[in-house]
């Protein structure tokens, strides 16, 4: 178990070609490649720029008086 021979690989390849067609496989691989490039670009952009946060915290100084109602 676990060892795939040449005949098993050929049968799997034939099933994949029958399911997806010859023209669809390169298109799928191109989409996978675009996804990988986009992921790598996102990771590198994140490393270059620190994440800008849109925190809506209010900063106040200790010498400011707060309104209490």
C-alpha atoms as a PDB file:
ATOM      1  CA  UNK A   1       0.000   0.000   0.000  1.00  0.00           C
ATOM      2  CA  UNK A   2       1.193   3.491  -0.737  1.00  0.00           C
ATOM      3  CA  UNK A   3       3.300   2.554  -3.749  1.00  0.00           C
ATOM      4  CA  UNK A   4       1.842   3.735  -7.029  1.00  0.00           C
ATOM      5  CA  UNK A   5       3.082   1.957 -10.100  1.00  0.00           C
ATOM      6  CA  UNK A   6       3.203   3.323 -13.613  1.00  0.00           C
ATOM      7  CA  UNK A   7      -0.140   1.724 -14.517  1.00  0.00           C
ATOM      8  CA  UNK A   8      -1.928   3.277 -11.557  1.00  0.00           C
ATOM      9  CA  UNK A   9      -0.538   6.694 -12.432  1.00  0.00           C
ATOM     10  CA  UNK A  10      -1.634   6.301 -16.054  1.00  0.00           C
ATOM     11  CA  UNK A  11      -5.144   5.323 -14.977  1.00  0.00           C
ATOM     12  CA  UNK A  12      -5.356   8.332 -12.639  1.00  0.00           C
ATOM     13  CA  UNK A  13      -4.089  10.606 -15.414  1.00  0.00           C
ATOM     14  CA  UNK A  14      -6.665   9.199 -17.842  1.00  0.00           C
ATOM     15  CA  UNK A  15      -9.483   9.790 -15.344  1.00  0.00           C
ATOM     16  CA  UNK A  16      -8.344  13.380 -14.738  1.00  0.00           C
ATOM     17  CA  UNK A  17      -8.206  14.068 -18.475  1.00  0.00           C
ATOM     18  CA  UNK A  18     -11.669  12.571 -18.949  1.00  0.00           C
ATOM     19  CA  UNK A  19     -13.134  14.612 -16.110  1.00  0.00           C
ATOM     20  CA  UNK A  20     -11.578  17.967 -16.908  1.00  0.00           C
ATOM     21  CA  UNK A  21     -10.715  17.728 -20.575  1.00  0.00           C
ATOM     22  CA  UNK A  22      -7.402  18.563 -22.176  1.00  0.00           C
ATOM     23  CA  UNK A  23      -8.123  22.277 -22.480  1.00  0.00           C
ATOM     24  CA  UNK A  24      -9.305  22.776 -18.933  1.00  0.00           C
ATOM     25  CA  UNK A  25      -6.204  21.410 -17.167  1.00  0.00           C
ATOM     26  CA  UNK A  26      -3.791  24.186 -18.326  1.00  0.00           C
ATOM     27  CA  UNK A  27      -6.422  26.770 -17.430  1.00  0.00           C
ATOM     28  CA  UNK A  28      -6.727  25.321 -13.929  1.00  0.00           C
ATOM     29  CA  UNK A  29      -2.947  25.267 -13.516  1.00  0.00           C
ATOM     30  CA  UNK A  30      -2.792  28.909 -14.654  1.00  0.00           C
ATOM     31  CA  UNK A  31      -5.388  29.844 -12.046  1.00  0.00           C
ATOM     32  CA  UNK A  32      -3.414  28.019  -9.370  1.00  0.00           C
ATOM     33  CA  UNK A  33      -0.246  29.859 -10.429  1.00  0.00           C
ATOM     34  CA  UNK A  34      -2.045  33.226 -10.262  1.00  0.00           C
ATOM     35  CA  UNK A  35      -3.305  32.382  -6.793  1.00  0.00           C
ATOM     36  CA  UNK A  36       0.171  31.476  -5.597  1.00  0.00           C
ATOM     37  CA  UNK A  37       1.644  34.696  -7.042  1.00  0.00           C
ATOM     38  CA  UNK A  38      -1.096  36.746  -5.412  1.00  0.00           C
ATOM     39  CA  UNK A  39      -0.497  35.032  -2.077  1.00  0.00           C
ATOM     40  CA  UNK A  40       3.257  35.646  -2.260  1.00  0.00           C
ATOM     41  CA  UNK A  41       2.680  39.291  -3.209  1.00  0.00           C
ATOM     42  CA  UNK A  42       0.333  39.719  -0.265  1.00  0.00           C
ATOM     43  CA  UNK A  43       2.852  38.214   2.114  1.00  0.00           C
ATOM     44  CA  UNK A  44       5.701  40.393   0.807  1.00  0.00           C
ATOM     45  CA  UNK A  45       3.533  43.540   0.931  1.00  0.00           C
ATOM     46  CA  UNK A  46       2.619  42.751   4.512  1.00  0.00           C
ATOM     47  CA  UNK A  47       6.289  42.411   5.452  1.00  0.00           C
ATOM     48  CA  UNK A  48       7.266  45.691   3.760  1.00  0.00           C
ATOM     49  CA  UNK A  49       4.482  47.852   5.171  1.00  0.00           C
ATOM     50  CA  UNK A  50       3.368  47.627   8.754  1.00  0.00           C
ATOM     51  CA  UNK A  51      -0.332  47.041   8.977  1.00  0.00           C
ATOM     52  CA  UNK A  52      -2.200  50.291   9.205  1.00  0.00           C
ATOM     53  CA  UNK A  53      -4.890  49.981  11.780  1.00  0.00           C
ATOM     54  CA  UNK A  54      -8.111  51.878  11.713  1.00  0.00           C
ATOM     55  CA  UNK A  55      -8.524  51.713  15.439  1.00  0.00           C
ATOM     56  CA  UNK A  56     -10.983  54.233  16.673  1.00  0.00           C
ATOM     57  CA  UNK A  57      -9.567  54.578  20.120  1.00  0.00           C
ATOM     58  CA  UNK A  58      -9.648  57.936  21.776  1.00  0.00           C
ATOM     59  CA  UNK A  59      -6.434  59.109  23.286  1.00  0.00           C
ATOM     60  CA  UNK A  60      -6.570  61.594  26.109  1.00  0.00           C
ATOM     61  CA  UNK A  61      -4.041  63.040  28.420  1.00  0.00           C
ATOM     62  CA  UNK A  62      -4.066  62.603  32.136  1.00  0.00           C
ATOM     63  CA  UNK A  63      -4.389  66.356  32.697  1.00  0.00           C
ATOM     64  CA  UNK A  64      -7.652  66.555  30.712  1.00  0.00           C
ATOM     65  CA  UNK A  65     -10.871  66.421  32.636  1.00  0.00           C
ATOM     66  CA  UNK A  66     -13.518  64.028  31.434  1.00  0.00           C
ATOM     67  CA  UNK A  67     -17.190  64.918  31.176  1.00  0.00           C
ATOM     68  CA  UNK A  68     -19.363  62.978  33.530  1.00  0.00           C
ATOM     69  CA  UNK A  69     -23.080  63.406  33.270  1.00  0.00           C
END
